Amino acid sequence: MSAAKLLGILRNIKYTIHRRTLNQIYIPFLRPRLEYASSFWDNCYQLEKSKLEKIQLETARIVTGTTGSVTLNNLYCVTRWLTLSDRRLYLKLVLMYKIKNCMVPNYLLVLSRTDDNTAHDFMTAARRTALYENSFIPSAVDCWNNLPEHLRNSPSISCFKHILLKTKFPTREAPLHYLHGSRRLSVIHARLRNNCSDLKHDLFNNYVSASDKCQVCNEIVNAEHSYFKCRRYHNYRIDLFTTTRIRHPLNVKLLRFGDSVVEVVYHYINATKRFENN
């Protein structure tokens, strides 16, 4: 099945299954199609790379429930995924480790140096054109030789991958509370975190609404207004404050990103019916 068909399936089920499941569909099934043999075609035109990256970015919006107005930086922060460009470099270095340690077919072993006294593991090939310089062999050799010696001499491939990811491509799993609760509530909360919700201020900033003022309070309708100021939700706010009294003083950042108040925030969102159409 092509990447486009898998992406279409994800679009159709994005509100019906859990974020964790969507993530588990993307990582082993869709992403490998975007980077098949990518170590060798990484010198393709930037236009082609951008097209592939757009597929990952759309998938990230599907998985997180965010909209097209979310910034790319926020999108990668909430998914904790590597860009496809970083993934290609990572896979290229893993392949070079396999070449060095004779874990590949013989035709790739000719890259290895025979001189054990050299500082690097692979010969630096002569280049006359930029096209060849950006192709697999010269670019992979340069990337490999620029790694620290202790990393190039890792005792096993699993050790090499672990240290490489930890040092050169630091990333983590998405926080568990981002995956908490029903799909509908987790989507609403994700949009509040990333300024792409149905609050008037977010809609106004994204050129969807002509005004960002509350009809009741005549104040800007942002997350702070929704949680702390709007007179329409006064009674629900008292319940929110009472339930979270051990966490006082409350602030918008805690309510948007804190792991200890997720259930209370979800209850507040449900009770106010503020996002009833989401």
C-alpha atoms as a PDB file:
ATOM      1  CA  MET A   1       0.000   0.000   0.000  1.00  0.00           C
ATOM      2  CA  SER A   2       1.323   3.456  -0.924  1.00  0.00           C
ATOM      3  CA  ALA A   3       2.054   6.214   1.590  1.00  0.00           C
ATOM      4  CA  ALA A   4      -0.808   8.299   0.130  1.00  0.00           C
ATOM      5  CA  LYS A   5      -3.341   5.516   0.739  1.00  0.00           C
ATOM      6  CA  LEU A   6      -2.146   5.002   4.309  1.00  0.00           C
ATOM      7  CA  LEU A   7      -2.356   8.729   4.920  1.00  0.00           C
ATOM      8  CA  GLY A   8      -5.925   8.686   3.598  1.00  0.00           C
ATOM      9  CA  ILE A   9      -6.815   5.911   6.042  1.00  0.00           C
ATOM     10  CA  LEU A  10      -5.367   7.927   8.926  1.00  0.00           C
ATOM     11  CA  ARG A  11      -7.445  10.944   7.882  1.00  0.00           C
ATOM     12  CA  ASN A  12     -10.626   8.882   7.978  1.00  0.00           C
ATOM     13  CA  ILE A  13     -10.019   7.457  11.461  1.00  0.00           C
ATOM     14  CA  LYS A  14      -8.229  10.382  13.121  1.00  0.00           C
ATOM     15  CA  TYR A  15     -11.108  11.196  15.493  1.00  0.00           C
ATOM     16  CA  THR A  16     -12.155   7.627  16.235  1.00  0.00           C
ATOM     17  CA  ILE A  17      -9.012   5.968  17.591  1.00  0.00           C
ATOM     18  CA  HIS A  18      -6.511   6.912  20.259  1.00  0.00           C
ATOM     19  CA  ARG A  19      -3.450   9.047  19.563  1.00  0.00           C
ATOM     20  CA  ARG A  20      -1.158   6.240  20.700  1.00  0.00           C
ATOM     21  CA  THR A  21      -2.671   3.912  18.085  1.00  0.00           C
ATOM     22  CA  LEU A  22      -2.315   6.509  15.337  1.00  0.00           C
ATOM     23  CA  ASN A  23       1.339   6.939  16.286  1.00  0.00           C
ATOM     24  CA  GLN A  24       1.840   3.173  16.205  1.00  0.00           C
ATOM     25  CA  ILE A  25       0.363   3.030  12.699  1.00  0.00           C
ATOM     26  CA  TYR A  26       2.614   5.783  11.390  1.00  0.00           C
ATOM     27  CA  ILE A  27       5.990   4.714  12.806  1.00  0.00           C
ATOM     28  CA  PRO A  28       6.145   1.088  11.528  1.00  0.00           C
ATOM     29  CA  PHE A  29       3.874   1.286   8.477  1.00  0.00           C
ATOM     30  CA  LEU A  30       3.856   4.729   6.851  1.00  0.00           C
ATOM     31  CA  ARG A  31       7.251   6.219   7.716  1.00  0.00           C
ATOM     32  CA  PRO A  32       9.278   3.305   6.255  1.00  0.00           C
ATOM     33  CA  ARG A  33       7.646   4.056   2.904  1.00  0.00           C
ATOM     34  CA  LEU A  34       8.883   7.648   3.103  1.00  0.00           C
ATOM     35  CA  GLU A  35      12.475   6.624   3.767  1.00  0.00           C
ATOM     36  CA  TYR A  36      12.927   3.374   1.844  1.00  0.00           C
ATOM     37  CA  ALA A  37      16.543   3.300   0.581  1.00  0.00           C
ATOM     38  CA  SER A  38      16.778   6.956   1.662  1.00  0.00           C
ATOM     39  CA  SER A  39      20.487   6.692   2.449  1.00  0.00           C
ATOM     40  CA  PHE A  40      21.133   6.434  -1.273  1.00  0.00           C
ATOM     41  CA  TRP A  41      18.694   9.011  -2.649  1.00  0.00           C
ATOM     42  CA  ASP A  42      19.306  11.666   0.015  1.00  0.00           C
ATOM     43  CA  ASN A  43      20.976  13.837  -2.636  1.00  0.00           C
ATOM     44  CA  CYS A  44      17.671  14.374  -4.446  1.00  0.00           C
ATOM     45  CA  TYR A  45      16.301  17.863  -5.042  1.00  0.00           C
ATOM     46  CA  GLN A  46      15.003  19.862  -2.073  1.00  0.00           C
ATOM     47  CA  LEU A  47      11.568  19.965  -3.702  1.00  0.00           C
ATOM     48  CA  GLU A  48      11.235  16.178  -3.430  1.00  0.00           C
ATOM     49  CA  LYS A  49      12.466  16.217   0.168  1.00  0.00           C
ATOM     50  CA  SER A  50       9.915  18.905   1.023  1.00  0.00           C
ATOM     51  CA  LYS A  51       7.091  16.829  -0.468  1.00  0.00           C
ATOM     52  CA  LEU A  52       8.016  13.902   1.762  1.00  0.00           C
ATOM     53  CA  GLU A  53       8.343  16.148   4.814  1.00  0.00           C
ATOM     54  CA  LYS A  54       4.854  17.526   4.134  1.00  0.00           C
ATOM     55  CA  ILE A  55       3.446  14.000   4.392  1.00  0.00           C
ATOM     56  CA  GLN A  56       5.068  13.548   7.797  1.00  0.00           C
ATOM     57  CA  LEU A  57       3.844  16.965   8.934  1.00  0.00           C
ATOM     58  CA  GLU A  58       0.281  16.206   7.860  1.00  0.00           C
ATOM     59  CA  THR A  59       0.499  12.896   9.693  1.00  0.00           C
ATOM     60  CA  ALA A  60       1.744  14.726  12.798  1.00  0.00           C
ATOM     61  CA  ARG A  61      -1.292  17.024  12.654  1.00  0.00           C
ATOM     62  CA  ILE A  62      -3.558  13.998  12.332  1.00  0.00           C
ATOM     63  CA  VAL A  63      -1.898  12.185  15.239  1.00  0.00           C
ATOM     64  CA  THR A  64      -1.921  15.194  17.583  1.00  0.00           C
ATOM     65  CA  GLY A  65      -5.284  16.529  16.457  1.00  0.00           C
ATOM     66  CA  THR A  66      -3.848  19.987  15.757  1.00  0.00           C
ATOM     67  CA  THR A  67      -4.855  22.096  12.769  1.00  0.00           C
ATOM     68  CA  GLY A  68      -2.955  23.475   9.794  1.00  0.00           C
ATOM     69  CA  SER A  69      -2.195  26.701  11.666  1.00  0.00           C
ATOM     70  CA  VAL A  70       0.095  25.055  14.224  1.00  0.00           C
ATOM     71  CA  THR A  71       3.755  26.021  13.843  1.00  0.00           C
ATOM     72  CA  LEU A  72       6.176  23.371  12.610  1.00  0.00           C
ATOM     73  CA  ASN A  73       8.344  23.844  15.683  1.00  0.00           C
ATOM     74  CA  ASN A  74       5.366  23.162  17.974  1.00  0.00           C
ATOM     75  CA  LEU A  75       4.356  20.192  15.867  1.00  0.00           C
ATOM     76  CA  TYR A  76       7.731  18.487  16.258  1.00  0.00           C
ATOM     77  CA  CYS A  77       7.823  19.398  19.952  1.00  0.00           C
ATOM     78  CA  VAL A  78       4.501  17.691  20.702  1.00  0.00           C
ATOM     79  CA  THR A  79       5.194  14.586  18.601  1.00  0.00           C
ATOM     80  CA  ARG A  80       8.908  14.353  19.554  1.00  0.00           C
ATOM     81  CA  TRP A  81       9.598  12.954  16.068  1.00  0.00           C
ATOM     82  CA  LEU A  82      12.792  13.577  14.156  1.00  0.00           C
ATOM     83  CA  THR A  83      12.505  15.390  10.851  1.00  0.00           C
ATOM     84  CA  LEU A  84      12.868  13.093   7.855  1.00  0.00           C
ATOM     85  CA  SER A  85      16.137  14.879   7.053  1.00  0.00           C
ATOM     86  CA  ASP A  86      17.546  13.885  10.456  1.00  0.00           C
ATOM     87  CA  ARG A  87      16.158  10.380  10.022  1.00  0.00           C
ATOM     88  CA  ARG A  88      17.994  10.008   6.704  1.00  0.00           C
ATOM     89  CA  LEU A  89      21.255  11.115   8.266  1.00  0.00           C
ATOM     90  CA  TYR A  90      20.709   8.713  11.166  1.00  0.00           C
ATOM     91  CA  LEU A  91      20.021   5.789   8.813  1.00  0.00           C
ATOM     92  CA  LYS A  92      23.036   6.723   6.696  1.00  0.00           C
ATOM     93  CA  LEU A  93      25.321   6.599   9.746  1.00  0.00           C
ATOM     94  CA  VAL A  94      23.836   3.279  10.853  1.00  0.00           C
ATOM     95  CA  LEU A  95      24.579   1.877   7.394  1.00  0.00           C
ATOM     96  CA  MET A  96      28.167   3.134   7.640  1.00  0.00           C
ATOM     97  CA  TYR A  97      28.559   1.351  10.974  1.00  0.00           C
ATOM     98  CA  LYS A  98      27.368  -1.856   9.309  1.00  0.00           C
ATOM     99  CA  ILE A  99      29.847  -1.363   6.467  1.00  0.00           C
ATOM    100  CA  LYS A 100      32.710  -0.843   8.886  1.00  0.00           C
ATOM    101  CA  ASN A 101      31.810  -3.994  10.806  1.00  0.00           C
ATOM    102  CA  CYS A 102      31.221  -6.188   7.737  1.00  0.00           C
ATOM    103  CA  MET A 103      27.477  -6.462   8.240  1.00  0.00           C
ATOM    104  CA  VAL A 104      26.653  -5.681   4.582  1.00  0.00           C
ATOM    105  CA  PRO A 105      27.214  -7.293   1.141  1.00  0.00           C
ATOM    106  CA  ASN A 106      30.803  -7.414  -0.103  1.00  0.00           C
ATOM    107  CA  TYR A 107      30.359  -4.724  -2.766  1.00  0.00           C
ATOM    108  CA  LEU A 108      29.963  -2.115  -0.016  1.00  0.00           C
ATOM    109  CA  LEU A 109      33.024  -3.243   1.924  1.00  0.00           C
ATOM    110  CA  VAL A 110      35.387  -1.637  -0.598  1.00  0.00           C
ATOM    111  CA  LEU A 111      34.728   1.677   1.139  1.00  0.00           C
ATOM    112  CA  SER A 112      36.663   0.582   4.210  1.00  0.00           C
ATOM    113  CA  ARG A 113      40.248   1.694   4.727  1.00  0.00           C
ATOM    114  CA  THR A 114      42.942  -0.928   4.853  1.00  0.00           C
ATOM    115  CA  ASP A 115      45.364   1.307   6.740  1.00  0.00           C
ATOM    116  CA  ASP A 116      44.743   0.768  10.465  1.00  0.00           C
ATOM    117  CA  ASN A 117      46.951   3.726  11.418  1.00  0.00           C
ATOM    118  CA  THR A 118      44.662   6.321   9.888  1.00  0.00           C
ATOM    119  CA  ALA A 119      42.508   8.547  12.044  1.00  0.00           C
ATOM    120  CA  HIS A 120      39.330   7.651  10.155  1.00  0.00           C
ATOM    121  CA  ASP A 121      37.643   4.467   9.012  1.00  0.00           C
ATOM    122  CA  PHE A 122      36.861   5.311   5.386  1.00  0.00           C
ATOM    123  CA  MET A 123      38.696   6.801   2.472  1.00  0.00           C
ATOM    124  CA  THR A 124      37.731  10.295   1.403  1.00  0.00           C
ATOM    125  CA  ALA A 125      36.895  10.013  -2.268  1.00  0.00           C
ATOM    126  CA  ALA A 126      38.021  12.703  -4.714  1.00  0.00           C
ATOM    127  CA  ARG A 127      35.147  14.890  -5.964  1.00  0.00           C
ATOM    128  CA  ARG A 128      34.973  17.011  -9.079  1.00  0.00           C
ATOM    129  CA  THR A 129      31.286  17.953  -9.122  1.00  0.00           C
ATOM    130  CA  ALA A 130      28.770  19.045  -6.489  1.00  0.00           C
ATOM    131  CA  LEU A 131      26.393  16.335  -7.710  1.00  0.00           C
ATOM    132  CA  TYR A 132      28.889  13.601  -6.876  1.00  0.00           C
ATOM    133  CA  GLU A 133      29.912  15.287  -3.624  1.00  0.00           C
ATOM    134  CA  ASN A 134      26.316  15.114  -2.409  1.00  0.00           C
ATOM    135  CA  SER A 135      25.834  11.504  -3.471  1.00  0.00           C
ATOM    136  CA  PHE A 136      25.838   8.624  -1.020  1.00  0.00           C
ATOM    137  CA  ILE A 137      29.490   7.596  -0.829  1.00  0.00           C
ATOM    138  CA  PRO A 138      31.197  11.008  -0.375  1.00  0.00           C
ATOM    139  CA  SER A 139      28.494  12.433   1.882  1.00  0.00           C
ATOM    140  CA  ALA A 140      28.220   9.299   4.029  1.00  0.00           C
ATOM    141  CA  VAL A 141      32.014   9.055   4.408  1.00  0.00           C
ATOM    142  CA  ASP A 142      32.218  12.705   5.488  1.00  0.00           C
ATOM    143  CA  CYS A 143      29.400  12.288   8.010  1.00  0.00           C
ATOM    144  CA  TRP A 144      30.978   9.149   9.423  1.00  0.00           C
ATOM    145  CA  ASN A 145      34.495  10.560   9.701  1.00  0.00           C
ATOM    146  CA  ASN A 146      33.130  13.568  11.569  1.00  0.00           C
ATOM    147  CA  LEU A 147      31.758  11.370  14.347  1.00  0.00           C
ATOM    148  CA  PRO A 148      33.783  11.081  17.584  1.00  0.00           C
ATOM    149  CA  GLU A 149      36.130   8.110  17.596  1.00  0.00           C
ATOM    150  CA  HIS A 150      34.510   6.480  20.621  1.00  0.00           C
ATOM    151  CA  LEU A 151      31.168   6.502  18.816  1.00  0.00           C
ATOM    152  CA  ARG A 152      32.627   5.018  15.622  1.00  0.00           C
ATOM    153  CA  ASN A 153      34.168   2.262  17.739  1.00  0.00           C
ATOM    154  CA  SER A 154      30.964   1.301  19.559  1.00  0.00           C
ATOM    155  CA  PRO A 155      31.042  -2.408  20.481  1.00  0.00           C
ATOM    156  CA  SER A 156      27.631  -3.230  18.985  1.00  0.00           C
ATOM    157  CA  ILE A 157      25.123  -1.757  16.604  1.00  0.00           C
ATOM    158  CA  SER A 158      22.525  -1.383  19.370  1.00  0.00           C
ATOM    159  CA  CYS A 159      25.055   0.551  21.443  1.00  0.00           C
ATOM    160  CA  PHE A 160      25.918   2.697  18.429  1.00  0.00           C
ATOM    161  CA  LYS A 161      22.256   3.516  17.740  1.00  0.00           C
ATOM    162  CA  HIS A 162      21.591   4.351  21.380  1.00  0.00           C
ATOM    163  CA  ILE A 163      24.546   6.725  21.731  1.00  0.00           C
ATOM    164  CA  LEU A 164      23.950   8.262  18.298  1.00  0.00           C
ATOM    165  CA  LEU A 165      20.325   9.075  19.099  1.00  0.00           C
ATOM    166  CA  LYS A 166      21.223  10.359  22.535  1.00  0.00           C
ATOM    167  CA  THR A 167      24.059  12.644  21.412  1.00  0.00           C
ATOM    168  CA  LYS A 168      23.385  13.699  17.825  1.00  0.00           C
ATOM    169  CA  PHE A 169      19.599  13.379  17.614  1.00  0.00           C
ATOM    170  CA  PRO A 170      18.294  13.995  21.134  1.00  0.00           C
ATOM    171  CA  THR A 171      14.590  13.246  21.308  1.00  0.00           C
ATOM    172  CA  ARG A 172      12.129  11.720  23.745  1.00  0.00           C
ATOM    173  CA  GLU A 173       8.765  10.036  23.796  1.00  0.00           C
ATOM    174  CA  ALA A 174       5.753  12.322  23.915  1.00  0.00           C
ATOM    175  CA  PRO A 175       4.684  13.000  27.541  1.00  0.00           C
ATOM    176  CA  LEU A 176       2.228  10.377  28.722  1.00  0.00           C
ATOM    177  CA  HIS A 177      -0.376  12.937  29.756  1.00  0.00           C
ATOM    178  CA  TYR A 178      -0.543  14.077  26.112  1.00  0.00           C
ATOM    179  CA  LEU A 179      -1.987  10.621  25.413  1.00  0.00           C
ATOM    180  CA  HIS A 180      -4.411  10.675  28.326  1.00  0.00           C
ATOM    181  CA  GLY A 181      -8.190  10.535  28.160  1.00  0.00           C
ATOM    182  CA  SER A 182     -10.661  10.342  25.306  1.00  0.00           C
ATOM    183  CA  ARG A 183      -9.604  11.250  21.799  1.00  0.00           C
ATOM    184  CA  ARG A 184     -11.967  14.247  21.683  1.00  0.00           C
ATOM    185  CA  LEU A 185     -10.644  15.791  24.907  1.00  0.00           C
ATOM    186  CA  SER A 186      -7.002  15.125  24.084  1.00  0.00           C
ATOM    187  CA  VAL A 187      -7.480  16.856  20.708  1.00  0.00           C
ATOM    188  CA  ILE A 188      -9.086  19.920  22.326  1.00  0.00           C
ATOM    189  CA  HIS A 189      -6.302  20.110  24.908  1.00  0.00           C
ATOM    190  CA  ALA A 190      -3.615  19.723  22.225  1.00  0.00           C
ATOM    191  CA  ARG A 191      -5.126  22.605  20.271  1.00  0.00           C
ATOM    192  CA  LEU A 192      -5.203  24.779  23.384  1.00  0.00           C
ATOM    193  CA  ARG A 193      -1.520  24.030  23.985  1.00  0.00           C
ATOM    194  CA  ASN A 194      -0.595  24.960  20.435  1.00  0.00           C
ATOM    195  CA  ASN A 195      -2.725  28.090  19.901  1.00  0.00           C
ATOM    196  CA  CYS A 196      -4.878  26.522  17.186  1.00  0.00           C
ATOM    197  CA  SER A 197      -8.100  25.997  19.139  1.00  0.00           C
ATOM    198  CA  ASP A 198     -11.615  27.363  18.564  1.00  0.00           C
ATOM    199  CA  LEU A 199     -11.007  30.191  21.019  1.00  0.00           C
ATOM    200  CA  LYS A 200     -11.662  33.511  19.312  1.00  0.00           C
ATOM    201  CA  HIS A 201      -8.117  34.788  19.815  1.00  0.00           C
ATOM    202  CA  ASP A 202      -6.658  31.728  18.075  1.00  0.00           C
ATOM    203  CA  LEU A 203      -9.187  32.017  15.260  1.00  0.00           C
ATOM    204  CA  PHE A 204      -8.489  35.741  14.931  1.00  0.00           C
ATOM    205  CA  ASN A 205      -4.713  35.209  14.772  1.00  0.00           C
ATOM    206  CA  ASN A 206      -5.243  32.551  12.113  1.00  0.00           C
ATOM    207  CA  TYR A 207      -7.507  34.849  10.025  1.00  0.00           C
ATOM    208  CA  VAL A 208     -10.636  32.784  10.645  1.00  0.00           C
ATOM    209  CA  SER A 209     -12.542  35.202  12.905  1.00  0.00           C
ATOM    210  CA  ALA A 210     -13.101  38.926  12.399  1.00  0.00           C
ATOM    211  CA  SER A 211     -12.941  39.605  16.147  1.00  0.00           C
ATOM    212  CA  ASP A 212     -11.253  38.101  19.199  1.00  0.00           C
ATOM    213  CA  LYS A 213     -13.463  39.770  21.829  1.00  0.00           C
ATOM    214  CA  CYS A 214     -15.915  38.044  24.178  1.00  0.00           C
ATOM    215  CA  GLN A 215     -19.536  39.145  23.709  1.00  0.00           C
ATOM    216  CA  VAL A 216     -20.121  38.915  27.466  1.00  0.00           C
ATOM    217  CA  CYS A 217     -16.914  40.445  28.868  1.00  0.00           C
ATOM    218  CA  ASN A 218     -15.627  42.395  25.849  1.00  0.00           C
ATOM    219  CA  GLU A 219     -12.145  40.984  26.533  1.00  0.00           C
ATOM    220  CA  ILE A 220      -9.812  38.971  24.335  1.00  0.00           C
ATOM    221  CA  VAL A 221     -10.950  35.338  24.325  1.00  0.00           C
ATOM    222  CA  ASN A 222      -7.703  33.440  24.895  1.00  0.00           C
ATOM    223  CA  ALA A 223      -6.877  30.535  27.194  1.00  0.00           C
ATOM    224  CA  GLU A 224      -6.368  32.816  30.187  1.00  0.00           C
ATOM    225  CA  HIS A 225      -9.758  34.423  29.643  1.00  0.00           C
ATOM    226  CA  SER A 226     -11.439  31.039  29.251  1.00  0.00           C
ATOM    227  CA  TYR A 227      -9.917  29.587  32.418  1.00  0.00           C
ATOM    228  CA  PHE A 228      -9.802  32.614  34.716  1.00  0.00           C
ATOM    229  CA  LYS A 229     -11.939  35.552  33.581  1.00  0.00           C
ATOM    230  CA  CYS A 230     -15.055  34.851  31.522  1.00  0.00           C
ATOM    231  CA  ARG A 231     -18.186  35.545  33.573  1.00  0.00           C
ATOM    232  CA  ARG A 232     -20.076  32.950  31.568  1.00  0.00           C
ATOM    233  CA  TYR A 233     -18.133  30.129  33.264  1.00  0.00           C
ATOM    234  CA  HIS A 234     -17.933  31.537  36.812  1.00  0.00           C
ATOM    235  CA  ASN A 235     -19.547  28.553  38.560  1.00  0.00           C
ATOM    236  CA  TYR A 236     -17.452  26.020  36.673  1.00  0.00           C
ATOM    237  CA  ARG A 237     -14.334  28.036  37.492  1.00  0.00           C
ATOM    238  CA  ILE A 238     -15.050  27.810  41.224  1.00  0.00           C
ATOM    239  CA  ASP A 239     -15.186  24.028  40.876  1.00  0.00           C
ATOM    240  CA  LEU A 240     -11.896  24.097  38.915  1.00  0.00           C
ATOM    241  CA  PHE A 241     -10.164  26.176  41.586  1.00  0.00           C
ATOM    242  CA  THR A 242     -11.537  24.058  44.430  1.00  0.00           C
ATOM    243  CA  THR A 243     -10.438  20.785  42.845  1.00  0.00           C
ATOM    244  CA  THR A 244      -6.920  22.083  42.176  1.00  0.00           C
ATOM    245  CA  ARG A 245      -6.375  23.967  45.446  1.00  0.00           C
ATOM    246  CA  ILE A 246      -3.236  21.955  46.300  1.00  0.00           C
ATOM    247  CA  ARG A 247      -1.747  23.201  43.008  1.00  0.00           C
ATOM    248  CA  HIS A 248      -2.332  26.898  43.640  1.00  0.00           C
ATOM    249  CA  PRO A 249      -1.382  29.394  42.415  1.00  0.00           C
ATOM    250  CA  LEU A 250      -2.806  28.269  39.090  1.00  0.00           C
ATOM    251  CA  ASN A 251      -1.618  29.693  35.799  1.00  0.00           C
ATOM    252  CA  VAL A 252      -2.374  29.121  32.128  1.00  0.00           C
ATOM    253  CA  LYS A 253       0.877  27.234  31.507  1.00  0.00           C
ATOM    254  CA  LEU A 254       0.063  24.686  34.218  1.00  0.00           C
ATOM    255  CA  LEU A 255      -3.447  24.143  32.889  1.00  0.00           C
ATOM    256  CA  ARG A 256      -2.192  23.733  29.319  1.00  0.00           C
ATOM    257  CA  PHE A 257       0.945  21.641  29.901  1.00  0.00           C
ATOM    258  CA  GLY A 258       0.844  20.250  33.447  1.00  0.00           C
ATOM    259  CA  ASP A 259       0.479  16.501  33.899  1.00  0.00           C
ATOM    260  CA  SER A 260      -1.116  16.736  37.352  1.00  0.00           C
ATOM    261  CA  VAL A 261      -4.203  18.694  36.288  1.00  0.00           C
ATOM    262  CA  VAL A 262      -5.218  16.940  33.076  1.00  0.00           C
ATOM    263  CA  GLU A 263      -8.308  15.263  34.520  1.00  0.00           C
ATOM    264  CA  VAL A 264      -9.500  18.514  36.085  1.00  0.00           C
ATOM    265  CA  VAL A 265      -8.988  20.437  32.850  1.00  0.00           C
ATOM    266  CA  TYR A 266     -10.877  17.767  30.913  1.00  0.00           C
ATOM    267  CA  HIS A 267     -13.740  18.000  33.406  1.00  0.00           C
ATOM    268  CA  TYR A 268     -13.806  21.790  33.024  1.00  0.00           C
ATOM    269  CA  ILE A 269     -13.855  21.540  29.223  1.00  0.00           C
ATOM    270  CA  ASN A 270     -16.740  19.062  29.365  1.00  0.00           C
ATOM    271  CA  ALA A 271     -18.726  21.024  31.953  1.00  0.00           C
ATOM    272  CA  THR A 272     -18.492  24.389  30.172  1.00  0.00           C
ATOM    273  CA  LYS A 273     -19.395  22.871  26.806  1.00  0.00           C
ATOM    274  CA  ARG A 274     -17.077  25.525  25.389  1.00  0.00           C
ATOM    275  CA  PHE A 275     -15.922  23.227  22.591  1.00  0.00           C
ATOM    276  CA  GLU A 276     -19.155  21.306  22.135  1.00  0.00           C
ATOM    277  CA  ASN A 277     -18.773  21.120  18.364  1.00  0.00           C
ATOM    278  CA  ASN A 278     -15.228  19.641  18.514  1.00  0.00           C
END
